């Protein structure tokens, strides 16, 4: 009855410095299979 999935950033961001390590964000989402509606259950520390 439910789907869990991982959500990461889409698109292409700004031209940040290449030599500077950066956090890659991700979240765990939970969705109802029948309605397709979902919500963010957890977000990784930044």
ModelCIF file with pLDDT and N, C-alpha, C, O atoms, coordinates in Angstrom:
data_MODEL
#
_entry.id   MODEL 
#
_entity.id                         1 
_entity.type                       polymer 
_entity.pdbx_number_of_molecules   1 
#
_entity_poly.entity_id                      1 
_entity_poly.type                           'polypeptide(L)' 
_entity_poly.nstd_linkage                   no 
_entity_poly.nstd_monomer                   no 
_entity_poly.pdbx_seq_one_letter_code       
;(UNK)(UNK)(UNK)(UNK)(UNK)(UNK)(UNK)(UNK)(UNK)(UNK)(UNK)(UNK)(UNK)(UNK)(UNK)(UNK)
(UNK)(UNK)(UNK)(UNK)(UNK)(UNK)(UNK)(UNK)(UNK)(UNK)(UNK)(UNK)(UNK)(UNK)(UNK)(UNK)
(UNK)(UNK)(UNK)(UNK)(UNK)(UNK)(UNK)(UNK)(UNK)(UNK)(UNK)(UNK)(UNK)(UNK)
;
_entity_poly.pdbx_seq_one_letter_code_can   XXXXXXXXXXXXXXXXXXXXXXXXXXXXXXXXXXXXXXXXXXXXXX 
_entity_poly.pdbx_strand_id                 A 
#
loop_
_entity_poly_seq.entity_id 
_entity_poly_seq.num 
_entity_poly_seq.mon_id 
_entity_poly_seq.hetero 
1 1  UNK n 
1 2  UNK n 
1 3  UNK n 
1 4  UNK n 
1 5  UNK n 
1 6  UNK n 
1 7  UNK n 
1 8  UNK n 
1 9  UNK n 
1 10 UNK n 
1 11 UNK n 
1 12 UNK n 
1 13 UNK n 
1 14 UNK n 
1 15 UNK n 
1 16 UNK n 
1 17 UNK n 
1 18 UNK n 
1 19 UNK n 
1 20 UNK n 
1 21 UNK n 
1 22 UNK n 
1 23 UNK n 
1 24 UNK n 
1 25 UNK n 
1 26 UNK n 
1 27 UNK n 
1 28 UNK n 
1 29 UNK n 
1 30 UNK n 
1 31 UNK n 
1 32 UNK n 
1 33 UNK n 
1 34 UNK n 
1 35 UNK n 
1 36 UNK n 
1 37 UNK n 
1 38 UNK n 
1 39 UNK n 
1 40 UNK n 
1 41 UNK n 
1 42 UNK n 
1 43 UNK n 
1 44 UNK n 
1 45 UNK n 
1 46 UNK n 
#
_struct_asym.id          A 
_struct_asym.entity_id   1 
#
loop_
_ma_qa_metric.id 
_ma_qa_metric.mode 
_ma_qa_metric.name 
_ma_qa_metric.software_group_id 
_ma_qa_metric.type 
1 global pLDDT . pLDDT 
2 local  pLDDT . pLDDT 
#
_ma_qa_metric_global.metric_id      1 
_ma_qa_metric_global.metric_value   96.26 
_ma_qa_metric_global.model_id       1 
_ma_qa_metric_global.ordinal_id     1 
#
loop_
_ma_qa_metric_local.label_asym_id 
_ma_qa_metric_local.label_comp_id 
_ma_qa_metric_local.label_seq_id 
_ma_qa_metric_local.metric_id 
_ma_qa_metric_local.metric_value 
_ma_qa_metric_local.model_id 
_ma_qa_metric_local.ordinal_id 
A UNK 1  2 97.00 1 1  
A UNK 2  2 98.00 1 2  
A UNK 3  2 98.00 1 3  
A UNK 4  2 98.00 1 4  
A UNK 5  2 98.00 1 5  
A UNK 6  2 98.00 1 6  
A UNK 7  2 98.00 1 7  
A UNK 8  2 97.00 1 8  
A UNK 9  2 97.00 1 9  
A UNK 10 2 97.00 1 10 
A UNK 11 2 96.00 1 11 
A UNK 12 2 92.00 1 12 
A UNK 13 2 91.00 1 13 
A UNK 14 2 93.00 1 14 
A UNK 15 2 90.00 1 15 
A UNK 16 2 93.00 1 16 
A UNK 17 2 93.00 1 17 
A UNK 18 2 92.00 1 18 
A UNK 19 2 93.00 1 19 
A UNK 20 2 94.00 1 20 
A UNK 21 2 94.00 1 21 
A UNK 22 2 94.00 1 22 
A UNK 23 2 96.00 1 23 
A UNK 24 2 96.00 1 24 
A UNK 25 2 97.00 1 25 
A UNK 26 2 97.00 1 26 
A UNK 27 2 98.00 1 27 
A UNK 28 2 98.00 1 28 
A UNK 29 2 98.00 1 29 
A UNK 30 2 98.00 1 30 
A UNK 31 2 98.00 1 31 
A UNK 32 2 98.00 1 32 
A UNK 33 2 97.00 1 33 
A UNK 34 2 96.00 1 34 
A UNK 35 2 97.00 1 35 
A UNK 36 2 97.00 1 36 
A UNK 37 2 97.00 1 37 
A UNK 38 2 98.00 1 38 
A UNK 39 2 98.00 1 39 
A UNK 40 2 98.00 1 40 
A UNK 41 2 98.00 1 41 
A UNK 42 2 98.00 1 42 
A UNK 43 2 98.00 1 43 
A UNK 44 2 97.00 1 44 
A UNK 45 2 97.00 1 45 
A UNK 46 2 97.00 1 46 
#
loop_
_atom_site.group_PDB 
_atom_site.id 
_atom_site.type_symbol 
_atom_site.label_atom_id 
_atom_site.label_alt_id 
_atom_site.label_comp_id 
_atom_site.label_asym_id 
_atom_site.label_entity_id 
_atom_site.label_seq_id 
_atom_site.pdbx_PDB_ins_code 
_atom_site.Cartn_x 
_atom_site.Cartn_y 
_atom_site.Cartn_z 
_atom_site.occupancy 
_atom_site.B_iso_or_equiv 
_atom_site.pdbx_formal_charge 
_atom_site.auth_seq_id 
_atom_site.auth_comp_id 
_atom_site.auth_asym_id 
_atom_site.auth_atom_id 
_atom_site.pdbx_PDB_model_num 
ATOM 1   N N  . UNK A 1 1  ? 0.802  -1.228 0.000   1.00 97.00 ? 1  UNK A N  1 
ATOM 2   C CA . UNK A 1 1  ? 0.000  0.000  0.000   1.00 97.00 ? 1  UNK A CA 1 
ATOM 3   C C  . UNK A 1 1  ? 0.833  1.275  0.000   1.00 97.00 ? 1  UNK A C  1 
ATOM 4   O O  . UNK A 1 1  ? 0.297  2.356  -0.246  1.00 97.00 ? 1  UNK A O  1 
ATOM 5   N N  . UNK A 1 2  ? 2.120  1.173  0.268   1.00 98.00 ? 2  UNK A N  1 
ATOM 6   C CA . UNK A 1 2  ? 2.987  2.349  0.314   1.00 98.00 ? 2  UNK A CA 1 
ATOM 7   C C  . UNK A 1 2  ? 4.260  2.104  -0.492  1.00 98.00 ? 2  UNK A C  1 
ATOM 8   O O  . UNK A 1 2  ? 4.683  0.969  -0.712  1.00 98.00 ? 2  UNK A O  1 
ATOM 9   N N  . UNK A 1 3  ? 4.843  3.201  -0.916  1.00 98.00 ? 3  UNK A N  1 
ATOM 10  C CA . UNK A 1 3  ? 6.165  3.181  -1.531  1.00 98.00 ? 3  UNK A CA 1 
ATOM 11  C C  . UNK A 1 3  ? 7.062  4.157  -0.779  1.00 98.00 ? 3  UNK A C  1 
ATOM 12  O O  . UNK A 1 3  ? 6.668  5.290  -0.504  1.00 98.00 ? 3  UNK A O  1 
ATOM 13  N N  . UNK A 1 4  ? 8.264  3.709  -0.451  1.00 98.00 ? 4  UNK A N  1 
ATOM 14  C CA . UNK A 1 4  ? 9.298  4.611  0.042   1.00 98.00 ? 4  UNK A CA 1 
ATOM 15  C C  . UNK A 1 4  ? 10.307 4.797  -1.080  1.00 98.00 ? 4  UNK A C  1 
ATOM 16  O O  . UNK A 1 4  ? 10.568 3.862  -1.837  1.00 98.00 ? 4  UNK A O  1 
ATOM 17  N N  . UNK A 1 5  ? 10.875 5.986  -1.198  1.00 98.00 ? 5  UNK A N  1 
ATOM 18  C CA . UNK A 1 5  ? 11.889 6.220  -2.222  1.00 98.00 ? 5  UNK A CA 1 
ATOM 19  C C  . UNK A 1 5  ? 12.823 7.332  -1.764  1.00 98.00 ? 5  UNK A C  1 
ATOM 20  O O  . UNK A 1 5  ? 12.533 8.052  -0.809  1.00 98.00 ? 5  UNK A O  1 
ATOM 21  N N  . UNK A 1 6  ? 13.926 7.458  -2.446  1.00 98.00 ? 6  UNK A N  1 
ATOM 22  C CA . UNK A 1 6  ? 14.921 8.492  -2.135  1.00 98.00 ? 6  UNK A CA 1 
ATOM 23  C C  . UNK A 1 6  ? 14.781 9.618  -3.144  1.00 98.00 ? 6  UNK A C  1 
ATOM 24  O O  . UNK A 1 6  ? 14.645 9.383  -4.345  1.00 98.00 ? 6  UNK A O  1 
ATOM 25  N N  . UNK A 1 7  ? 14.816 10.844 -2.640  1.00 98.00 ? 7  UNK A N  1 
ATOM 26  C CA . UNK A 1 7  ? 14.707 12.027 -3.500  1.00 98.00 ? 7  UNK A CA 1 
ATOM 27  C C  . UNK A 1 7  ? 15.990 12.850 -3.371  1.00 98.00 ? 7  UNK A C  1 
ATOM 28  O O  . UNK A 1 7  ? 16.405 13.213 -2.271  1.00 98.00 ? 7  UNK A O  1 
ATOM 29  N N  . UNK A 1 8  ? 16.604 13.135 -4.518  1.00 97.00 ? 8  UNK A N  1 
ATOM 30  C CA . UNK A 1 8  ? 17.785 13.993 -4.563  1.00 97.00 ? 8  UNK A CA 1 
ATOM 31  C C  . UNK A 1 8  ? 17.483 15.208 -5.438  1.00 97.00 ? 8  UNK A C  1 
ATOM 32  O O  . UNK A 1 8  ? 16.409 15.299 -6.032  1.00 97.00 ? 8  UNK A O  1 
ATOM 33  N N  . UNK A 1 9  ? 18.421 16.128 -5.512  1.00 97.00 ? 9  UNK A N  1 
ATOM 34  C CA . UNK A 1 9  ? 18.193 17.356 -6.280  1.00 97.00 ? 9  UNK A CA 1 
ATOM 35  C C  . UNK A 1 9  ? 18.146 17.071 -7.774  1.00 97.00 ? 9  UNK A C  1 
ATOM 36  O O  . UNK A 1 9  ? 18.833 16.175 -8.264  1.00 97.00 ? 9  UNK A O  1 
ATOM 37  N N  . UNK A 1 10 ? 17.341 17.830 -8.488  1.00 97.00 ? 10 UNK A N  1 
ATOM 38  C CA . UNK A 1 10 ? 17.254 17.732 -9.935  1.00 97.00 ? 10 UNK A CA 1 
ATOM 39  C C  . UNK A 1 10 ? 17.859 18.963 -10.584 1.00 97.00 ? 10 UNK A C  1 
ATOM 40  O O  . UNK A 1 10 ? 18.411 19.834 -9.911  1.00 97.00 ? 10 UNK A O  1 
ATOM 41  N N  . UNK A 1 11 ? 17.745 19.021 -11.912 1.00 96.00 ? 11 UNK A N  1 
ATOM 42  C CA . UNK A 1 11 ? 18.229 20.184 -12.642 1.00 96.00 ? 11 UNK A CA 1 
ATOM 43  C C  . UNK A 1 11 ? 19.736 20.344 -12.558 1.00 96.00 ? 11 UNK A C  1 
ATOM 44  O O  . UNK A 1 11 ? 20.467 19.425 -12.187 1.00 96.00 ? 11 UNK A O  1 
ATOM 45  N N  . UNK A 1 12 ? 20.174 21.547 -12.918 1.00 92.00 ? 12 UNK A N  1 
ATOM 46  C CA . UNK A 1 12 ? 21.592 21.888 -12.853 1.00 92.00 ? 12 UNK A CA 1 
ATOM 47  C C  . UNK A 1 12 ? 21.740 23.158 -12.035 1.00 92.00 ? 12 UNK A C  1 
ATOM 48  O O  . UNK A 1 12 ? 21.111 24.172 -12.336 1.00 92.00 ? 12 UNK A O  1 
ATOM 49  N N  . UNK A 1 13 ? 22.565 23.106 -11.007 1.00 91.00 ? 13 UNK A N  1 
ATOM 50  C CA . UNK A 1 13 ? 22.703 24.238 -10.106 1.00 91.00 ? 13 UNK A CA 1 
ATOM 51  C C  . UNK A 1 13 ? 23.696 25.278 -10.597 1.00 91.00 ? 13 UNK A C  1 
ATOM 52  O O  . UNK A 1 13 ? 24.164 25.235 -11.735 1.00 91.00 ? 13 UNK A O  1 
ATOM 53  N N  . UNK A 1 14 ? 23.998 26.197 -9.719  1.00 93.00 ? 14 UNK A N  1 
ATOM 54  C CA . UNK A 1 14 ? 24.939 27.268 -10.028 1.00 93.00 ? 14 UNK A CA 1 
ATOM 55  C C  . UNK A 1 14 ? 26.345 26.702 -10.220 1.00 93.00 ? 14 UNK A C  1 
ATOM 56  O O  . UNK A 1 14 ? 26.629 25.570 -9.828  1.00 93.00 ? 14 UNK A O  1 
ATOM 57  N N  . UNK A 1 15 ? 27.211 27.496 -10.822 1.00 90.00 ? 15 UNK A N  1 
ATOM 58  C CA . UNK A 1 15 ? 28.595 27.088 -11.080 1.00 90.00 ? 15 UNK A CA 1 
ATOM 59  C C  . UNK A 1 15 ? 29.430 27.323 -9.822  1.00 90.00 ? 15 UNK A C  1 
ATOM 60  O O  . UNK A 1 15 ? 30.220 28.264 -9.753  1.00 90.00 ? 15 UNK A O  1 
ATOM 61  N N  . UNK A 1 16 ? 29.243 26.461 -8.842  1.00 93.00 ? 16 UNK A N  1 
ATOM 62  C CA . UNK A 1 16 ? 29.996 26.580 -7.595  1.00 93.00 ? 16 UNK A CA 1 
ATOM 63  C C  . UNK A 1 16 ? 31.466 26.231 -7.826  1.00 93.00 ? 16 UNK A C  1 
ATOM 64  O O  . UNK A 1 16 ? 31.799 25.589 -8.822  1.00 93.00 ? 16 UNK A O  1 
ATOM 65  N N  . UNK A 1 17 ? 32.335 26.645 -6.926  1.00 93.00 ? 17 UNK A N  1 
ATOM 66  C CA . UNK A 1 17 ? 33.761 26.297 -7.061  1.00 93.00 ? 17 UNK A CA 1 
ATOM 67  C C  . UNK A 1 17 ? 33.962 24.787 -7.164  1.00 93.00 ? 17 UNK A C  1 
ATOM 68  O O  . UNK A 1 17 ? 33.370 24.021 -6.404  1.00 93.00 ? 17 UNK A O  1 
ATOM 69  N N  . UNK A 1 18 ? 34.795 24.371 -8.101  1.00 92.00 ? 18 UNK A N  1 
ATOM 70  C CA . UNK A 1 18 ? 34.995 22.954 -8.371  1.00 92.00 ? 18 UNK A CA 1 
ATOM 71  C C  . UNK A 1 18 ? 35.851 22.269 -7.315  1.00 92.00 ? 18 UNK A C  1 
ATOM 72  O O  . UNK A 1 18 ? 35.710 21.069 -7.077  1.00 92.00 ? 18 UNK A O  1 
ATOM 73  N N  . UNK A 1 19 ? 36.728 23.023 -6.689  1.00 93.00 ? 19 UNK A N  1 
ATOM 74  C CA . UNK A 1 19 ? 37.667 22.438 -5.732  1.00 93.00 ? 19 UNK A CA 1 
ATOM 75  C C  . UNK A 1 19 ? 37.160 22.484 -4.298  1.00 93.00 ? 19 UNK A C  1 
ATOM 76  O O  . UNK A 1 19 ? 37.880 22.126 -3.366  1.00 93.00 ? 19 UNK A O  1 
ATOM 77  N N  . UNK A 1 20 ? 35.933 22.922 -4.126  1.00 94.00 ? 20 UNK A N  1 
ATOM 78  C CA . UNK A 1 20 ? 35.355 23.041 -2.791  1.00 94.00 ? 20 UNK A CA 1 
ATOM 79  C C  . UNK A 1 20 ? 34.373 21.897 -2.543  1.00 94.00 ? 20 UNK A C  1 
ATOM 80  O O  . UNK A 1 20 ? 33.347 21.828 -3.219  1.00 94.00 ? 20 UNK A O  1 
ATOM 81  N N  . UNK A 1 21 ? 34.654 20.994 -1.592  1.00 94.00 ? 21 UNK A N  1 
ATOM 82  C CA . UNK A 1 21 ? 33.714 19.901 -1.305  1.00 94.00 ? 21 UNK A CA 1 
ATOM 83  C C  . UNK A 1 21 ? 32.353 20.442 -0.883  1.00 94.00 ? 21 UNK A C  1 
ATOM 84  O O  . UNK A 1 21 ? 32.269 21.402 -0.117  1.00 94.00 ? 21 UNK A O  1 
ATOM 85  N N  . UNK A 1 22 ? 31.285 19.818 -1.387  1.00 94.00 ? 22 UNK A N  1 
ATOM 86  C CA . UNK A 1 22 ? 29.945 20.290 -1.087  1.00 94.00 ? 22 UNK A CA 1 
ATOM 87  C C  . UNK A 1 22 ? 29.055 19.122 -0.683  1.00 94.00 ? 22 UNK A C  1 
ATOM 88  O O  . UNK A 1 22 ? 29.220 17.998 -1.159  1.00 94.00 ? 22 UNK A O  1 
ATOM 89  N N  . UNK A 1 23 ? 28.120 19.410 0.194   1.00 96.00 ? 23 UNK A N  1 
ATOM 90  C CA . UNK A 1 23 ? 27.125 18.426 0.609   1.00 96.00 ? 23 UNK A CA 1 
ATOM 91  C C  . UNK A 1 23 ? 26.199 18.078 -0.552  1.00 96.00 ? 23 UNK A C  1 
ATOM 92  O O  . UNK A 1 23 ? 25.755 18.960 -1.286  1.00 96.00 ? 23 UNK A O  1 
ATOM 93  N N  . UNK A 1 24 ? 25.908 16.782 -0.715  1.00 96.00 ? 24 UNK A N  1 
ATOM 94  C CA . UNK A 1 24 ? 24.940 16.307 -1.708  1.00 96.00 ? 24 UNK A CA 1 
ATOM 95  C C  . UNK A 1 24 ? 23.694 15.869 -0.937  1.00 96.00 ? 24 UNK A C  1 
ATOM 96  O O  . UNK A 1 24 ? 23.702 14.846 -0.252  1.00 96.00 ? 24 UNK A O  1 
ATOM 97  N N  . UNK A 1 25 ? 22.633 16.654 -1.060  1.00 97.00 ? 25 UNK A N  1 
ATOM 98  C CA . UNK A 1 25 ? 21.452 16.435 -0.227  1.00 97.00 ? 25 UNK A CA 1 
ATOM 99  C C  . UNK A 1 25 ? 20.633 15.244 -0.707  1.00 97.00 ? 25 UNK A C  1 
ATOM 100 O O  . UNK A 1 25 ? 20.644 14.903 -1.890  1.00 97.00 ? 25 UNK A O  1 
ATOM 101 N N  . UNK A 1 26 ? 19.913 14.607 0.240   1.00 97.00 ? 26 UNK A N  1 
ATOM 102 C CA . UNK A 1 26 ? 18.977 13.535 -0.095  1.00 97.00 ? 26 UNK A CA 1 
ATOM 103 C C  . UNK A 1 26 ? 17.947 13.388 1.010   1.00 97.00 ? 26 UNK A C  1 
ATOM 104 O O  . UNK A 1 26 ? 18.189 13.720 2.171   1.00 97.00 ? 26 UNK A O  1 
ATOM 105 N N  . UNK A 1 27 ? 16.799 12.882 0.613   1.00 98.00 ? 27 UNK A N  1 
ATOM 106 C CA . UNK A 1 27 ? 15.668 12.731 1.526   1.00 98.00 ? 27 UNK A CA 1 
ATOM 107 C C  . UNK A 1 27 ? 15.013 11.371 1.305   1.00 98.00 ? 27 UNK A C  1 
ATOM 108 O O  . UNK A 1 27 ? 15.106 10.794 0.221   1.00 98.00 ? 27 UNK A O  1 
ATOM 109 N N  . UNK A 1 28 ? 14.362 10.875 2.326   1.00 98.00 ? 28 UNK A N  1 
ATOM 110 C CA . UNK A 1 28 ? 13.534 9.676  2.200   1.00 98.00 ? 28 UNK A CA 1 
ATOM 111 C C  . UNK A 1 28 ? 12.073 10.108 2.217   1.00 98.00 ? 28 UNK A C  1 
ATOM 112 O O  . UNK A 1 28 ? 11.627 10.781 3.146   1.00 98.00 ? 28 UNK A O  1 
ATOM 113 N N  . UNK A 1 29 ? 11.337 9.719  1.186   1.00 98.00 ? 29 UNK A N  1 
ATOM 114 C CA . UNK A 1 29 ? 9.928  10.076 1.041   1.00 98.00 ? 29 UNK A CA 1 
ATOM 115 C C  . UNK A 1 29 ? 9.059  8.826  1.183   1.00 98.00 ? 29 UNK A C  1 
ATOM 116 O O  . UNK A 1 29 ? 9.487  7.707  0.900   1.00 98.00 ? 29 UNK A O  1 
ATOM 117 N N  . UNK A 1 30 ? 7.841  9.056  1.625   1.00 98.00 ? 30 UNK A N  1 
ATOM 118 C CA . UNK A 1 30 ? 6.862  7.981  1.769   1.00 98.00 ? 30 UNK A CA 1 
ATOM 119 C C  . UNK A 1 30 ? 5.597  8.393  1.023   1.00 98.00 ? 30 UNK A C  1 
ATOM 120 O O  . UNK A 1 30 ? 5.119  9.517  1.178   1.00 98.00 ? 30 UNK A O  1 
ATOM 121 N N  . UNK A 1 31 ? 5.053  7.483  0.212   1.00 98.00 ? 31 UNK A N  1 
ATOM 122 C CA . UNK A 1 31 ? 3.886  7.825  -0.605  1.00 98.00 ? 31 UNK A CA 1 
ATOM 123 C C  . UNK A 1 31 ? 2.822  6.741  -0.507  1.00 98.00 ? 31 UNK A C  1 
ATOM 124 O O  . UNK A 1 31 ? 3.122  5.562  -0.318  1.00 98.00 ? 31 UNK A O  1 
ATOM 125 N N  . UNK A 1 32 ? 1.579  7.170  -0.641  1.00 98.00 ? 32 UNK A N  1 
ATOM 126 C CA . UNK A 1 32 ? 0.437  6.265  -0.700  1.00 98.00 ? 32 UNK A CA 1 
ATOM 127 C C  . UNK A 1 32 ? 0.282  5.789  -2.138  1.00 98.00 ? 32 UNK A C  1 
ATOM 128 O O  . UNK A 1 32 ? 0.197  6.608  -3.053  1.00 98.00 ? 32 UNK A O  1 
ATOM 129 N N  . UNK A 1 33 ? 0.246  4.481  -2.350  1.00 97.00 ? 33 UNK A N  1 
ATOM 130 C CA . UNK A 1 33 ? 0.195  3.934  -3.701  1.00 97.00 ? 33 UNK A CA 1 
ATOM 131 C C  . UNK A 1 33 ? -1.108 4.295  -4.401  1.00 97.00 ? 33 UNK A C  1 
ATOM 132 O O  . UNK A 1 33 ? -1.097 4.586  -5.598  1.00 97.00 ? 33 UNK A O  1 
ATOM 133 N N  . UNK A 1 34 ? -2.225 4.286  -3.692  1.00 96.00 ? 34 UNK A N  1 
ATOM 134 C CA . UNK A 1 34 ? -3.525 4.540  -4.316  1.00 96.00 ? 34 UNK A CA 1 
ATOM 135 C C  . UNK A 1 34 ? -3.673 5.985  -4.764  1.00 96.00 ? 34 UNK A C  1 
ATOM 136 O O  . UNK A 1 34 ? -4.144 6.244  -5.871  1.00 96.00 ? 34 UNK A O  1 
ATOM 137 N N  . UNK A 1 35 ? -3.275 6.935  -3.912  1.00 97.00 ? 35 UNK A N  1 
ATOM 138 C CA . UNK A 1 35 ? -3.454 8.350  -4.252  1.00 97.00 ? 35 UNK A CA 1 
ATOM 139 C C  . UNK A 1 35 ? -2.244 8.941  -4.969  1.00 97.00 ? 35 UNK A C  1 
ATOM 140 O O  . UNK A 1 35 ? -2.372 9.929  -5.692  1.00 97.00 ? 35 UNK A O  1 
ATOM 141 N N  . UNK A 1 36 ? -1.066 8.340  -4.772  1.00 97.00 ? 36 UNK A N  1 
ATOM 142 C CA . UNK A 1 36 ? 0.153  8.886  -5.345  1.00 97.00 ? 36 UNK A CA 1 
ATOM 143 C C  . UNK A 1 36 ? 0.732  10.037 -4.554  1.00 97.00 ? 36 UNK A C  1 
ATOM 144 O O  . UNK A 1 36 ? 1.783  10.569 -4.912  1.00 97.00 ? 36 UNK A O  1 
ATOM 145 N N  . UNK A 1 37 ? 0.058  10.432 -3.478  1.00 97.00 ? 37 UNK A N  1 
ATOM 146 C CA . UNK A 1 37 ? 0.547  11.556 -2.681  1.00 97.00 ? 37 UNK A CA 1 
ATOM 147 C C  . UNK A 1 37 ? 1.630  11.083 -1.713  1.00 97.00 ? 37 UNK A C  1 
ATOM 148 O O  . UNK A 1 37 ? 1.533  10.014 -1.111  1.00 97.00 ? 37 UNK A O  1 
ATOM 149 N N  . UNK A 1 38 ? 2.666  11.919 -1.583  1.00 98.00 ? 38 UNK A N  1 
ATOM 150 C CA . UNK A 1 38 ? 3.768  11.557 -0.710  1.00 98.00 ? 38 UNK A CA 1 
ATOM 151 C C  . UNK A 1 38 ? 4.226  12.724 0.144   1.00 98.00 ? 38 UNK A C  1 
ATOM 152 O O  . UNK A 1 38 ? 3.816  13.867 -0.056  1.00 98.00 ? 38 UNK A O  1 
ATOM 153 N N  . UNK A 1 39 ? 5.088  12.407 1.102   1.00 98.00 ? 39 UNK A N  1 
ATOM 154 C CA . UNK A 1 39 ? 5.639  13.446 1.961   1.00 98.00 ? 39 UNK A CA 1 
ATOM 155 C C  . UNK A 1 39 ? 7.052  13.076 2.379   1.00 98.00 ? 39 UNK A C  1 
ATOM 156 O O  . UNK A 1 39 ? 7.437  11.907 2.367   1.00 98.00 ? 39 UNK A O  1 
ATOM 157 N N  . UNK A 1 40 ? 7.817  14.096 2.749   1.00 98.00 ? 40 UNK A N  1 
ATOM 158 C CA . UNK A 1 40 ? 9.193  13.887 3.185   1.00 98.00 ? 40 UNK A CA 1 
ATOM 159 C C  . UNK A 1 40 ? 9.189  13.313 4.591   1.00 98.00 ? 40 UNK A C  1 
ATOM 160 O O  . UNK A 1 40 ? 8.690  13.946 5.521   1.00 98.00 ? 40 UNK A O  1 
ATOM 161 N N  . UNK A 1 41 ? 9.739  12.125 4.750   1.00 98.00 ? 41 UNK A N  1 
ATOM 162 C CA . UNK A 1 41 ? 9.789  11.468 6.049   1.00 98.00 ? 41 UNK A CA 1 
ATOM 163 C C  . UNK A 1 41 ? 11.059 11.806 6.807   1.00 98.00 ? 41 UNK A C  1 
ATOM 164 O O  . UNK A 1 41 ? 11.047 11.920 8.032   1.00 98.00 ? 41 UNK A O  1 
ATOM 165 N N  . UNK A 1 42 ? 12.167 11.969 6.071   1.00 98.00 ? 42 UNK A N  1 
ATOM 166 C CA . UNK A 1 42 ? 13.471 12.194 6.710   1.00 98.00 ? 42 UNK A CA 1 
ATOM 167 C C  . UNK A 1 42 ? 14.388 12.912 5.735   1.00 98.00 ? 42 UNK A C  1 
ATOM 168 O O  . UNK A 1 42 ? 14.331 12.682 4.527   1.00 98.00 ? 42 UNK A O  1 
ATOM 169 N N  . UNK A 1 43 ? 15.231 13.778 6.268   1.00 98.00 ? 43 UNK A N  1 
ATOM 170 C CA . UNK A 1 43 ? 16.230 14.474 5.457   1.00 98.00 ? 43 UNK A CA 1 
ATOM 171 C C  . UNK A 1 43 ? 17.598 14.263 6.063   1.00 98.00 ? 43 UNK A C  1 
ATOM 172 O O  . UNK A 1 43 ? 17.764 14.364 7.279   1.00 98.00 ? 43 UNK A O  1 
ATOM 173 N N  . UNK A 1 44 ? 18.580 13.969 5.228   1.00 97.00 ? 44 UNK A N  1 
ATOM 174 C CA . UNK A 1 44 ? 19.939 13.726 5.703   1.00 97.00 ? 44 UNK A CA 1 
ATOM 175 C C  . UNK A 1 44 ? 20.539 14.995 6.286   1.00 97.00 ? 44 UNK A C  1 
ATOM 176 O O  . UNK A 1 44 ? 20.226 16.094 5.827   1.00 97.00 ? 44 UNK A O  1 
ATOM 177 N N  . UNK A 1 45 ? 21.402 14.861 7.298   1.00 97.00 ? 45 UNK A N  1 
ATOM 178 C CA . UNK A 1 45 ? 22.101 16.037 7.838   1.00 97.00 ? 45 UNK A CA 1 
ATOM 179 C C  . UNK A 1 45 ? 22.869 16.753 6.733   1.00 97.00 ? 45 UNK A C  1 
ATOM 180 O O  . UNK A 1 45 ? 23.465 16.118 5.863   1.00 97.00 ? 45 UNK A O  1 
ATOM 181 N N  . UNK A 1 46 ? 22.849 18.079 6.778   1.00 97.00 ? 46 UNK A N  1 
ATOM 182 C CA . UNK A 1 46 ? 23.495 18.870 5.727   1.00 97.00 ? 46 UNK A CA 1 
ATOM 183 C C  . UNK A 1 46 ? 24.981 19.033 6.032   1.00 97.00 ? 46 UNK A C  1 
ATOM 184 O O  . UNK A 1 46 ? 25.703 19.669 5.265   1.00 97.00 ? 46 UNK A O  1 
#
